[in-house]
Each structure stands twice: as C-alpha cells, then as structure tokens.
Amino acid sequence: MKAQYTDVWFDQDREIPGSEKSVNLPFRKISARALIIKKKDGFIIGTLHRKNGKYALPGGALENGESTEQAVRRELAEENFKLISPEWETRVVVDYFDGYGELSVWHIIIVDDVEIGFSEENIKSRWVGQEEDVWYPFVHERILLTLNNYLQELCKAKIEVHTI
C-alpha cells in the first residue's frame, strides 16, 4: 500500500507546508475496529463473520477519504449496532495482523449496553467475557493488554504473558 502525505514544519507556532511525499507501507489494508466494552461487567462485543471462523472486533476497511472514526461509525451502522450511552475514548490502539497484511486502528468505546440488530455482514454478534478466548490469533491478548493499559477498572481477566 502506498501513502501520500505533505511534510509540515512549525516555526513559532506557525505551520509551514512542505513537499508532497509518498511512502510504501508494509500492509495492504487499513481497517477501523470498535473495542466496545460494557461498563457494568467488562464484556466485549465480538462479531463472527463466517461459519467456523473466529470472532473479531466490529469494524471494517476504510473507504476513500474516511478517518478511522468515520469508518467505525459507518461500520457499526452497517452491522446494525445501536450503542446505548456510548463514551468514546480519545485513546486508540493500533494492531497489525500479518496474516492479512492489515493494519487495524481500534477505537475504545465504553457503553451501558448495545442493541444488536440483524446484519447480512455478520453471522453472529454477542457479548464475550474477558476470560473467553474465541478471537482470531493474538486478539484476546491484545484486548486484555489494552484494557490493562488504558482501562484497568474494566479489566476483569488475568493477563498471561507468554514468552518464547
């Protein structure tokens, strides 16, 4: 994937645009995901996209010109999630999944509840307990590390770190 950007310089709090540049990135796709956590019990929304698959965080690929927050909001609407009393955290987590060559930006959203409606994009969506490892490889550990780092009061499961 190729990204284009403009260098920006600052001189006494004044922004000075630089030259246009492009860079080859080591991934094929950028997605935006919602790490939706229930305030009451710390459960997390997981989504199953295909039979015999593993659970993923709701979300999907960015469309042209979208920010990751815009993509998450669009994907949640497309997947028919209605967030009850959402609190969007300003913190985000970046995750890279080599198997798909995908860079994911996770937006943390704390809710009272979620109404899950029918969606043709998902086979099943449900609340997942933090102790359940039903996720794609390494997602469970990343979720727990994220909770431990940013929302310790909502981290219910013990984090086990595996070393090689």
C-alpha atoms as a PDB file:
ATOM      1  CA  MET A   1       0.000   0.000   0.000  1.00  0.00           C
ATOM      2  CA  LYS A   2       1.261   3.463  -0.824  1.00  0.00           C
ATOM      3  CA  ALA A   3       0.528   6.514   1.324  1.00  0.00           C
ATOM      4  CA  GLN A   4       0.909  10.146   0.345  1.00  0.00           C
ATOM      5  CA  TYR A   5       1.455  12.978   2.754  1.00  0.00           C
ATOM      6  CA  THR A   6       2.696  16.545   2.967  1.00  0.00           C
ATOM      7  CA  ASP A   7       5.615  17.441   5.200  1.00  0.00           C
ATOM      8  CA  VAL A   8       4.714  20.118   7.737  1.00  0.00           C
ATOM      9  CA  TRP A   9       7.146  22.344   9.568  1.00  0.00           C
ATOM     10  CA  PHE A  10       6.479  24.592  12.535  1.00  0.00           C
ATOM     11  CA  ASP A  11       8.094  27.963  13.082  1.00  0.00           C
ATOM     12  CA  GLN A  12       6.990  29.875  16.192  1.00  0.00           C
ATOM     13  CA  ASP A  13       3.626  28.057  16.238  1.00  0.00           C
ATOM     14  CA  ARG A  14       3.127  28.762  12.536  1.00  0.00           C
ATOM     15  CA  GLU A  15       2.503  25.771  10.276  1.00  0.00           C
ATOM     16  CA  ILE A  16       4.530  25.738   7.068  1.00  0.00           C
ATOM     17  CA  PRO A  17       3.550  23.114   4.476  1.00  0.00           C
ATOM     18  CA  GLY A  18       6.438  21.235   2.926  1.00  0.00           C
ATOM     19  CA  SER A  19       6.630  18.991  -0.107  1.00  0.00           C
ATOM     20  CA  GLU A  20       4.345  16.139  -1.164  1.00  0.00           C
ATOM     21  CA  LYS A  21       5.822  12.733  -0.447  1.00  0.00           C
ATOM     22  CA  SER A  22       4.773   9.119  -0.766  1.00  0.00           C
ATOM     23  CA  VAL A  23       5.887   6.020   1.062  1.00  0.00           C
ATOM     24  CA  ASN A  24       5.348   2.290   0.547  1.00  0.00           C
ATOM     25  CA  LEU A  25       3.708   0.804   3.623  1.00  0.00           C
ATOM     26  CA  PRO A  26       4.182  -2.816   4.753  1.00  0.00           C
ATOM     27  CA  PHE A  27       0.463  -3.641   4.692  1.00  0.00           C
ATOM     28  CA  ARG A  28      -2.288  -3.999   2.106  1.00  0.00           C
ATOM     29  CA  LYS A  29      -5.280  -2.698   4.008  1.00  0.00           C
ATOM     30  CA  ILE A  30      -6.256  -0.351   6.843  1.00  0.00           C
ATOM     31  CA  SER A  31      -9.284  -1.149   8.946  1.00  0.00           C
ATOM     32  CA  ALA A  32     -11.011   0.554  11.841  1.00  0.00           C
ATOM     33  CA  ARG A  33     -12.384  -1.562  14.680  1.00  0.00           C
ATOM     34  CA  ALA A  34     -14.524  -0.837  17.738  1.00  0.00           C
ATOM     35  CA  LEU A  35     -13.402  -2.228  21.076  1.00  0.00           C
ATOM     36  CA  ILE A  36     -16.824  -1.944  22.714  1.00  0.00           C
ATOM     37  CA  ILE A  37     -16.772  -2.614  26.454  1.00  0.00           C
ATOM     38  CA  LYS A  38     -19.808  -2.870  28.719  1.00  0.00           C
ATOM     39  CA  LYS A  39     -19.392  -0.638  31.784  1.00  0.00           C
ATOM     40  CA  LYS A  40     -21.234  -2.977  34.145  1.00  0.00           C
ATOM     41  CA  ASP A  41     -19.270  -6.211  33.653  1.00  0.00           C
ATOM     42  CA  GLY A  42     -16.401  -5.546  31.225  1.00  0.00           C
ATOM     43  CA  PHE A  43     -17.822  -7.803  28.489  1.00  0.00           C
ATOM     44  CA  ILE A  44     -16.717  -7.027  24.926  1.00  0.00           C
ATOM     45  CA  ILE A  45     -18.687  -7.194  21.669  1.00  0.00           C
ATOM     46  CA  GLY A  46     -17.382  -9.888  19.329  1.00  0.00           C
ATOM     47  CA  THR A  47     -18.544 -10.484  15.759  1.00  0.00           C
ATOM     48  CA  LEU A  48     -18.451 -13.692  13.756  1.00  0.00           C
ATOM     49  CA  HIS A  49     -18.212 -13.021  10.015  1.00  0.00           C
ATOM     50  CA  ARG A  50     -18.141 -16.601   8.713  1.00  0.00           C
ATOM     51  CA  LYS A  51     -19.076 -20.085   9.859  1.00  0.00           C
ATOM     52  CA  ASN A  52     -16.333 -21.948  11.698  1.00  0.00           C
ATOM     53  CA  GLY A  53     -14.374 -18.703  11.965  1.00  0.00           C
ATOM     54  CA  LYS A  54     -13.149 -16.808  14.976  1.00  0.00           C
ATOM     55  CA  TYR A  55     -14.561 -13.646  16.498  1.00  0.00           C
ATOM     56  CA  ALA A  56     -13.334 -10.184  15.518  1.00  0.00           C
ATOM     57  CA  LEU A  57     -13.992  -6.713  16.824  1.00  0.00           C
ATOM     58  CA  PRO A  58     -16.741  -4.984  14.815  1.00  0.00           C
ATOM     59  CA  GLY A  59     -15.486  -2.769  12.023  1.00  0.00           C
ATOM     60  CA  GLY A  60     -14.021  -2.948   8.566  1.00  0.00           C
ATOM     61  CA  ALA A  61     -11.913  -1.355   5.874  1.00  0.00           C
ATOM     62  CA  LEU A  62     -11.641   2.390   5.412  1.00  0.00           C
ATOM     63  CA  GLU A  63     -13.245   3.911   2.349  1.00  0.00           C
ATOM     64  CA  ASN A  64     -11.535   6.678   0.366  1.00  0.00           C
ATOM     65  CA  GLY A  65     -11.100   9.840   2.400  1.00  0.00           C
ATOM     66  CA  GLU A  66     -12.533   8.399   5.634  1.00  0.00           C
ATOM     67  CA  SER A  67     -10.954   8.836   9.028  1.00  0.00           C
ATOM     68  CA  THR A  68     -10.824   5.758  11.233  1.00  0.00           C
ATOM     69  CA  GLU A  69     -13.546   7.191  13.486  1.00  0.00           C
ATOM     70  CA  GLN A  70     -15.814   7.809  10.478  1.00  0.00           C
ATOM     71  CA  ALA A  71     -15.186   4.243   9.300  1.00  0.00           C
ATOM     72  CA  VAL A  72     -16.019   2.776  12.734  1.00  0.00           C
ATOM     73  CA  ARG A  73     -19.264   4.771  12.926  1.00  0.00           C
ATOM     74  CA  ARG A  74     -20.232   3.690   9.384  1.00  0.00           C
ATOM     75  CA  GLU A  75     -19.367   0.045  10.033  1.00  0.00           C
ATOM     76  CA  LEU A  76     -21.324  -0.024  13.303  1.00  0.00           C
ATOM     77  CA  ALA A  77     -24.362   1.361  11.448  1.00  0.00           C
ATOM     78  CA  GLU A  78     -23.925  -1.155   8.587  1.00  0.00           C
ATOM     79  CA  GLU A  79     -23.564  -4.026  11.065  1.00  0.00           C
ATOM     80  CA  ASN A  80     -26.695  -2.757  12.850  1.00  0.00           C
ATOM     81  CA  PHE A  81     -25.293  -1.968  16.297  1.00  0.00           C
ATOM     82  CA  LYS A  82     -27.061   0.632  18.415  1.00  0.00           C
ATOM     83  CA  LEU A  83     -24.800   1.862  21.210  1.00  0.00           C
ATOM     84  CA  ILE A  84     -26.540   2.751  24.491  1.00  0.00           C
ATOM     85  CA  SER A  85     -24.843   5.687  26.294  1.00  0.00           C
ATOM     86  CA  PRO A  86     -21.532   5.463  24.406  1.00  0.00           C
ATOM     87  CA  GLU A  87     -18.401   7.119  25.753  1.00  0.00           C
ATOM     88  CA  TRP A  88     -15.775   7.395  23.011  1.00  0.00           C
ATOM     89  CA  GLU A  89     -12.306   7.308  24.462  1.00  0.00           C
ATOM     90  CA  THR A  90      -9.756   9.557  22.847  1.00  0.00           C
ATOM     91  CA  ARG A  91      -7.268   6.698  23.053  1.00  0.00           C
ATOM     92  CA  VAL A  92      -6.900   4.317  20.158  1.00  0.00           C
ATOM     93  CA  VAL A  93      -4.848   1.164  19.738  1.00  0.00           C
ATOM     94  CA  VAL A  94      -3.024   0.192  16.565  1.00  0.00           C
ATOM     95  CA  ASP A  95      -2.793  -3.511  15.746  1.00  0.00           C
ATOM     96  CA  TYR A  96      -1.077  -5.247  12.838  1.00  0.00           C
ATOM     97  CA  PHE A  97      -2.175  -8.672  11.624  1.00  0.00           C
ATOM     98  CA  ASP A  98       0.482 -10.111   9.357  1.00  0.00           C
ATOM     99  CA  GLY A  99      -1.765 -12.927   8.111  1.00  0.00           C
ATOM    100  CA  TYR A 100      -3.944 -10.442   6.229  1.00  0.00           C
ATOM    101  CA  GLY A 101      -1.365  -7.674   5.873  1.00  0.00           C
ATOM    102  CA  GLU A 102      -3.855  -5.480   7.746  1.00  0.00           C
ATOM    103  CA  LEU A 103      -3.257  -2.505   9.997  1.00  0.00           C
ATOM    104  CA  SER A 104      -6.190  -2.015  12.371  1.00  0.00           C
ATOM    105  CA  VAL A 105      -6.947   1.074  14.410  1.00  0.00           C
ATOM    106  CA  TRP A 106      -9.090   0.202  17.423  1.00  0.00           C
ATOM    107  CA  HIS A 107     -11.384   2.859  18.862  1.00  0.00           C
ATOM    108  CA  ILE A 108     -12.271   2.220  22.506  1.00  0.00           C
ATOM    109  CA  ILE A 109     -15.964   2.733  23.269  1.00  0.00           C
ATOM    110  CA  ILE A 110     -17.470   2.216  26.724  1.00  0.00           C
ATOM    111  CA  VAL A 111     -21.229   1.612  26.756  1.00  0.00           C
ATOM    112  CA  ASP A 112     -24.095   0.798  29.093  1.00  0.00           C
ATOM    113  CA  ASP A 113     -25.343  -1.715  26.523  1.00  0.00           C
ATOM    114  CA  VAL A 114     -25.660  -2.456  22.805  1.00  0.00           C
ATOM    115  CA  GLU A 115     -28.721  -3.431  20.818  1.00  0.00           C
ATOM    116  CA  ILE A 116     -27.585  -5.917  18.185  1.00  0.00           C
ATOM    117  CA  GLY A 117     -29.832  -5.998  15.126  1.00  0.00           C
ATOM    118  CA  PHE A 118     -29.796  -8.277  12.103  1.00  0.00           C
ATOM    119  CA  SER A 119     -26.950  -7.750   9.671  1.00  0.00           C
ATOM    120  CA  GLU A 120     -26.129  -9.592   6.465  1.00  0.00           C
ATOM    121  CA  GLU A 121     -22.444  -8.897   7.170  1.00  0.00           C
ATOM    122  CA  ASN A 122     -22.350 -10.943  10.383  1.00  0.00           C
ATOM    123  CA  ILE A 123     -23.351 -14.474  11.233  1.00  0.00           C
ATOM    124  CA  LYS A 124     -23.463 -13.689  14.924  1.00  0.00           C
ATOM    125  CA  SER A 125     -22.508 -10.895  17.305  1.00  0.00           C
ATOM    126  CA  ARG A 126     -22.518 -11.247  21.066  1.00  0.00           C
ATOM    127  CA  TRP A 127     -21.061 -10.104  24.354  1.00  0.00           C
ATOM    128  CA  VAL A 128     -17.865 -12.020  25.083  1.00  0.00           C
ATOM    129  CA  GLY A 129     -16.460 -12.423  28.603  1.00  0.00           C
ATOM    130  CA  GLN A 130     -12.863 -11.344  29.041  1.00  0.00           C
ATOM    131  CA  GLU A 131     -11.825 -14.872  30.022  1.00  0.00           C
ATOM    132  CA  GLU A 132     -13.158 -16.350  26.751  1.00  0.00           C
ATOM    133  CA  ASP A 133     -10.580 -16.840  24.008  1.00  0.00           C
ATOM    134  CA  VAL A 134     -12.836 -17.047  20.937  1.00  0.00           C
ATOM    135  CA  TRP A 135     -10.913 -14.435  18.954  1.00  0.00           C
ATOM    136  CA  TYR A 136      -8.641 -14.541  15.936  1.00  0.00           C
ATOM    137  CA  PRO A 137      -4.999 -15.310  16.885  1.00  0.00           C
ATOM    138  CA  PHE A 138      -3.466 -12.883  19.387  1.00  0.00           C
ATOM    139  CA  VAL A 139      -6.560 -10.653  19.558  1.00  0.00           C
ATOM    140  CA  HIS A 140      -7.526 -11.929  23.036  1.00  0.00           C
ATOM    141  CA  GLU A 141      -4.136 -10.981  24.484  1.00  0.00           C
ATOM    142  CA  ARG A 142      -4.197  -7.583  22.769  1.00  0.00           C
ATOM    143  CA  ILE A 143      -7.661  -6.839  24.129  1.00  0.00           C
ATOM    144  CA  LEU A 144      -6.586  -7.700  27.676  1.00  0.00           C
ATOM    145  CA  LEU A 145      -3.371  -5.685  27.360  1.00  0.00           C
ATOM    146  CA  THR A 146      -5.376  -2.722  26.065  1.00  0.00           C
ATOM    147  CA  LEU A 147      -7.777  -2.931  28.997  1.00  0.00           C
ATOM    148  CA  ASN A 148      -4.906  -3.310  31.451  1.00  0.00           C
ATOM    149  CA  ASN A 149      -3.049  -0.328  29.966  1.00  0.00           C
ATOM    150  CA  TYR A 150      -5.958   2.085  29.493  1.00  0.00           C
ATOM    151  CA  LEU A 151      -8.968   0.911  31.487  1.00  0.00           C
ATOM    152  CA  GLN A 152      -7.730  -1.062  34.483  1.00  0.00           C
ATOM    153  CA  GLU A 153     -11.048  -0.595  36.270  1.00  0.00           C
ATOM    154  CA  LEU A 154     -12.740  -2.597  33.474  1.00  0.00           C
ATOM    155  CA  CYS A 155     -10.044  -5.286  33.169  1.00  0.00           C
ATOM    156  CA  LYS A 156     -11.544  -8.406  34.796  1.00  0.00           C
ATOM    157  CA  ALA A 157      -9.412 -11.222  33.378  1.00  0.00           C
ATOM    158  CA  LYS A 158      -5.906 -12.187  34.403  1.00  0.00           C
ATOM    159  CA  ILE A 159      -3.306 -11.380  31.772  1.00  0.00           C
ATOM    160  CA  GLU A 160      -0.882 -14.156  30.966  1.00  0.00           C
ATOM    161  CA  VAL A 161       2.206 -13.161  29.057  1.00  0.00           C
ATOM    162  CA  HIS A 162       3.789 -15.947  27.005  1.00  0.00           C
ATOM    163  CA  THR A 163       7.463 -15.725  26.241  1.00  0.00           C
ATOM    164  CA  ILE A 164       9.402 -17.753  23.715  1.00  0.00           C
END
